[in-house]
Amino acid sequence: MDCHKVREVVFLYADKEMDGELLISFEQHVAICPECARRAVHAERLIMVVRKRCGRQMAPADLRRRILTSLRHREAGN
């Protein structure tokens, strides 16, 4: 893997969405490239901050009810 490819996939890594050969290649490159290692750490920190600041919120009861009703109609073939 090269630095360009790391930039393309760093958020997959930070979001724990990377596995297999891609993960191995990514980790090998990051182990020898200080700039890409910093990029990976920054991406992980950004993901962590976004998750903390953008906590999950429940949709309003009326909206949830309308969505569930719509889904039930679709399942029933209406």
N, C-alpha and C. Protein backbone atom coordinates (compact mmCIF):
# COMPACT_ATOMS: atom_id res chain seq x y z
N MET A 1 0.85 -1.17 0.00
CA MET A 1 0.00 0.00 0.00
C MET A 1 0.90 1.23 0.00
N ASP A 2 0.41 2.29 -0.62
CA ASP A 2 1.16 3.55 -0.63
C ASP A 2 0.34 4.64 0.09
N CYS A 3 0.96 5.81 0.23
CA CYS A 3 0.32 6.91 0.97
C CYS A 3 -1.00 7.34 0.34
N HIS A 4 -1.06 7.34 -0.98
CA HIS A 4 -2.29 7.73 -1.66
C HIS A 4 -3.44 6.79 -1.29
N LYS A 5 -3.18 5.49 -1.29
CA LYS A 5 -4.22 4.51 -0.96
C LYS A 5 -4.63 4.65 0.50
N VAL A 6 -3.67 4.94 1.39
CA VAL A 6 -3.99 5.15 2.81
C VAL A 6 -4.99 6.29 2.93
N ARG A 7 -4.76 7.39 2.21
CA ARG A 7 -5.69 8.53 2.27
C ARG A 7 -7.08 8.12 1.81
N GLU A 8 -7.17 7.22 0.85
CA GLU A 8 -8.47 6.78 0.35
C GLU A 8 -9.24 5.92 1.34
N VAL A 9 -8.53 5.15 2.16
CA VAL A 9 -9.21 4.16 3.00
C VAL A 9 -9.07 4.41 4.50
N VAL A 10 -8.43 5.50 4.90
CA VAL A 10 -8.15 5.72 6.31
C VAL A 10 -9.41 5.75 7.17
N PHE A 11 -10.52 6.24 6.64
CA PHE A 11 -11.74 6.28 7.45
C PHE A 11 -12.39 4.90 7.56
N LEU A 12 -12.15 4.03 6.61
CA LEU A 12 -12.58 2.64 6.79
C LEU A 12 -11.86 2.02 7.98
N TYR A 13 -10.57 2.30 8.07
CA TYR A 13 -9.77 1.81 9.19
C TYR A 13 -10.26 2.40 10.51
N ALA A 14 -10.41 3.71 10.53
CA ALA A 14 -10.81 4.40 11.76
C ALA A 14 -12.18 3.97 12.23
N ASP A 15 -13.04 3.59 11.30
CA ASP A 15 -14.40 3.18 11.64
C ASP A 15 -14.52 1.67 11.82
N LYS A 16 -13.37 0.98 11.86
CA LYS A 16 -13.33 -0.48 12.07
C LYS A 16 -14.09 -1.24 10.99
N GLU A 17 -14.01 -0.74 9.76
CA GLU A 17 -14.71 -1.36 8.64
C GLU A 17 -13.74 -2.06 7.68
N MET A 18 -12.50 -2.22 8.09
CA MET A 18 -11.48 -2.78 7.22
C MET A 18 -11.06 -4.14 7.77
N ASP A 19 -10.86 -5.10 6.87
CA ASP A 19 -10.37 -6.40 7.30
C ASP A 19 -9.58 -7.07 6.19
N GLY A 20 -9.12 -8.27 6.44
CA GLY A 20 -8.43 -9.05 5.43
C GLY A 20 -7.13 -8.43 4.96
N GLU A 21 -6.85 -8.66 3.70
CA GLU A 21 -5.60 -8.19 3.09
C GLU A 21 -5.46 -6.68 3.13
N LEU A 22 -6.58 -5.97 2.98
CA LEU A 22 -6.54 -4.52 3.01
C LEU A 22 -6.06 -4.04 4.38
N LEU A 23 -6.58 -4.62 5.44
CA LEU A 23 -6.17 -4.25 6.79
C LEU A 23 -4.69 -4.56 7.02
N ILE A 24 -4.25 -5.72 6.60
CA ILE A 24 -2.85 -6.09 6.77
C ILE A 24 -1.95 -5.12 6.03
N SER A 25 -2.27 -4.82 4.79
CA SER A 25 -1.48 -3.90 3.99
C SER A 25 -1.47 -2.50 4.60
N PHE A 26 -2.63 -2.05 5.06
CA PHE A 26 -2.73 -0.74 5.69
C PHE A 26 -1.84 -0.67 6.92
N GLU A 27 -1.95 -1.65 7.81
CA GLU A 27 -1.17 -1.65 9.04
C GLU A 27 0.33 -1.75 8.77
N GLN A 28 0.72 -2.50 7.76
CA GLN A 28 2.13 -2.58 7.40
C GLN A 28 2.66 -1.23 6.94
N HIS A 29 1.90 -0.54 6.12
CA HIS A 29 2.33 0.76 5.63
C HIS A 29 2.40 1.78 6.77
N VAL A 30 1.36 1.82 7.58
CA VAL A 30 1.31 2.77 8.69
C VAL A 30 2.47 2.54 9.67
N ALA A 31 2.89 1.29 9.81
CA ALA A 31 3.99 0.97 10.72
C ALA A 31 5.32 1.57 10.26
N ILE A 32 5.45 1.84 8.97
CA ILE A 32 6.72 2.38 8.46
C ILE A 32 6.62 3.82 7.96
N CYS A 33 5.43 4.38 7.95
CA CYS A 33 5.24 5.73 7.41
C CYS A 33 4.66 6.64 8.50
N PRO A 34 5.49 7.49 9.10
CA PRO A 34 5.01 8.35 10.19
C PRO A 34 3.86 9.27 9.78
N GLU A 35 3.88 9.79 8.57
CA GLU A 35 2.81 10.69 8.11
C GLU A 35 1.48 9.95 8.04
N CYS A 36 1.48 8.75 7.51
CA CYS A 36 0.24 7.98 7.42
C CYS A 36 -0.20 7.50 8.80
N ALA A 37 0.74 7.22 9.69
CA ALA A 37 0.38 6.86 11.06
C ALA A 37 -0.34 8.02 11.73
N ARG A 38 0.16 9.24 11.54
CA ARG A 38 -0.51 10.42 12.09
C ARG A 38 -1.90 10.58 11.47
N ARG A 39 -1.99 10.34 10.19
CA ARG A 39 -3.28 10.46 9.50
C ARG A 39 -4.29 9.46 10.09
N ALA A 40 -3.85 8.25 10.37
CA ALA A 40 -4.73 7.23 10.95
C ALA A 40 -5.19 7.64 12.35
N VAL A 41 -4.27 8.15 13.16
CA VAL A 41 -4.62 8.60 14.51
C VAL A 41 -5.62 9.75 14.45
N HIS A 42 -5.39 10.69 13.56
CA HIS A 42 -6.31 11.83 13.42
C HIS A 42 -7.69 11.36 12.98
N ALA A 43 -7.74 10.43 12.06
CA ALA A 43 -9.04 9.91 11.60
C ALA A 43 -9.78 9.21 12.74
N GLU A 44 -9.05 8.42 13.53
CA GLU A 44 -9.68 7.75 14.67
C GLU A 44 -10.22 8.76 15.67
N ARG A 45 -9.44 9.81 15.94
CA ARG A 45 -9.90 10.85 16.87
C ARG A 45 -11.12 11.57 16.34
N LEU A 46 -11.13 11.87 15.05
CA LEU A 46 -12.28 12.55 14.45
C LEU A 46 -13.53 11.69 14.57
N ILE A 47 -13.41 10.41 14.26
CA ILE A 47 -14.56 9.50 14.38
C ILE A 47 -15.06 9.49 15.82
N MET A 48 -14.15 9.45 16.78
CA MET A 48 -14.53 9.43 18.19
C MET A 48 -15.27 10.70 18.59
N VAL A 49 -14.77 11.86 18.15
CA VAL A 49 -15.42 13.13 18.48
C VAL A 49 -16.81 13.20 17.85
N VAL A 50 -16.92 12.80 16.61
CA VAL A 50 -18.22 12.84 15.93
C VAL A 50 -19.21 11.94 16.65
N ARG A 51 -18.79 10.76 17.05
CA ARG A 51 -19.69 9.86 17.76
C ARG A 51 -20.14 10.43 19.09
N LYS A 52 -19.22 11.08 19.80
CA LYS A 52 -19.57 11.68 21.08
C LYS A 52 -20.55 12.83 20.91
N ARG A 53 -20.29 13.68 19.91
CA ARG A 53 -21.10 14.88 19.72
C ARG A 53 -22.42 14.62 19.03
N CYS A 54 -22.49 13.56 18.29
CA CYS A 54 -23.69 13.28 17.50
C CYS A 54 -24.36 12.02 18.02
N GLY A 55 -24.68 12.04 19.28
CA GLY A 55 -25.32 10.88 19.89
C GLY A 55 -26.63 10.56 19.21
N ARG A 56 -26.99 9.32 19.32
CA ARG A 56 -28.25 8.89 18.71
C ARG A 56 -29.41 9.49 19.46
N GLN A 57 -30.36 9.98 18.70
CA GLN A 57 -31.57 10.52 19.28
C GLN A 57 -32.77 9.79 18.69
N MET A 58 -33.77 9.63 19.50
CA MET A 58 -34.99 8.98 19.04
C MET A 58 -35.78 9.94 18.15
N ALA A 59 -36.34 9.39 17.11
CA ALA A 59 -37.23 10.18 16.27
C ALA A 59 -38.50 10.46 17.07
N PRO A 60 -39.17 11.56 16.76
CA PRO A 60 -40.44 11.84 17.44
C PRO A 60 -41.42 10.68 17.26
N ALA A 61 -42.25 10.46 18.26
CA ALA A 61 -43.19 9.34 18.25
C ALA A 61 -44.07 9.32 17.01
N ASP A 62 -44.55 10.48 16.58
CA ASP A 62 -45.41 10.55 15.40
C ASP A 62 -44.67 10.08 14.15
N LEU A 63 -43.44 10.50 14.00
CA LEU A 63 -42.65 10.08 12.84
C LEU A 63 -42.42 8.58 12.87
N ARG A 64 -42.05 8.04 14.01
CA ARG A 64 -41.83 6.60 14.12
C ARG A 64 -43.09 5.83 13.75
N ARG A 65 -44.23 6.29 14.25
CA ARG A 65 -45.50 5.64 13.97
C ARG A 65 -45.81 5.66 12.47
N ARG A 66 -45.59 6.81 11.82
CA ARG A 66 -45.87 6.91 10.38
C ARG A 66 -44.95 6.00 9.57
N ILE A 67 -43.69 5.92 9.96
CA ILE A 67 -42.75 5.05 9.25
C ILE A 67 -43.15 3.60 9.41
N LEU A 68 -43.45 3.19 10.64
CA LEU A 68 -43.86 1.80 10.87
C LEU A 68 -45.14 1.46 10.11
N THR A 69 -46.08 2.38 10.08
CA THR A 69 -47.32 2.15 9.34
C THR A 69 -47.03 1.99 7.85
N SER A 70 -46.18 2.84 7.32
CA SER A 70 -45.80 2.76 5.92
C SER A 70 -45.12 1.42 5.60
N LEU A 71 -44.22 0.99 6.47
CA LEU A 71 -43.53 -0.28 6.26
C LEU A 71 -44.50 -1.45 6.31
N ARG A 72 -45.44 -1.40 7.21
CA ARG A 72 -46.43 -2.48 7.30
C ARG A 72 -47.28 -2.56 6.05
N HIS A 73 -47.66 -1.39 5.50
CA HIS A 73 -48.44 -1.36 4.26
C HIS A 73 -47.64 -1.96 3.11
N ARG A 74 -46.35 -1.65 3.05
CA ARG A 74 -45.51 -2.19 1.97
C ARG A 74 -45.38 -3.70 2.10
N GLU A 75 -45.18 -4.18 3.33
CA GLU A 75 -45.06 -5.61 3.54
C GLU A 75 -46.35 -6.34 3.17
N ALA A 76 -47.49 -5.67 3.40
CA ALA A 76 -48.79 -6.28 3.09
C ALA A 76 -49.11 -6.19 1.60
N GLY A 77 -48.25 -5.48 0.85
CA GLY A 77 -48.48 -5.36 -0.58
C GLY A 77 -49.41 -4.25 -0.98
N ASN A 78 -49.65 -3.28 -0.10
CA ASN A 78 -50.55 -2.16 -0.40
C ASN A 78 -49.82 -1.04 -1.04
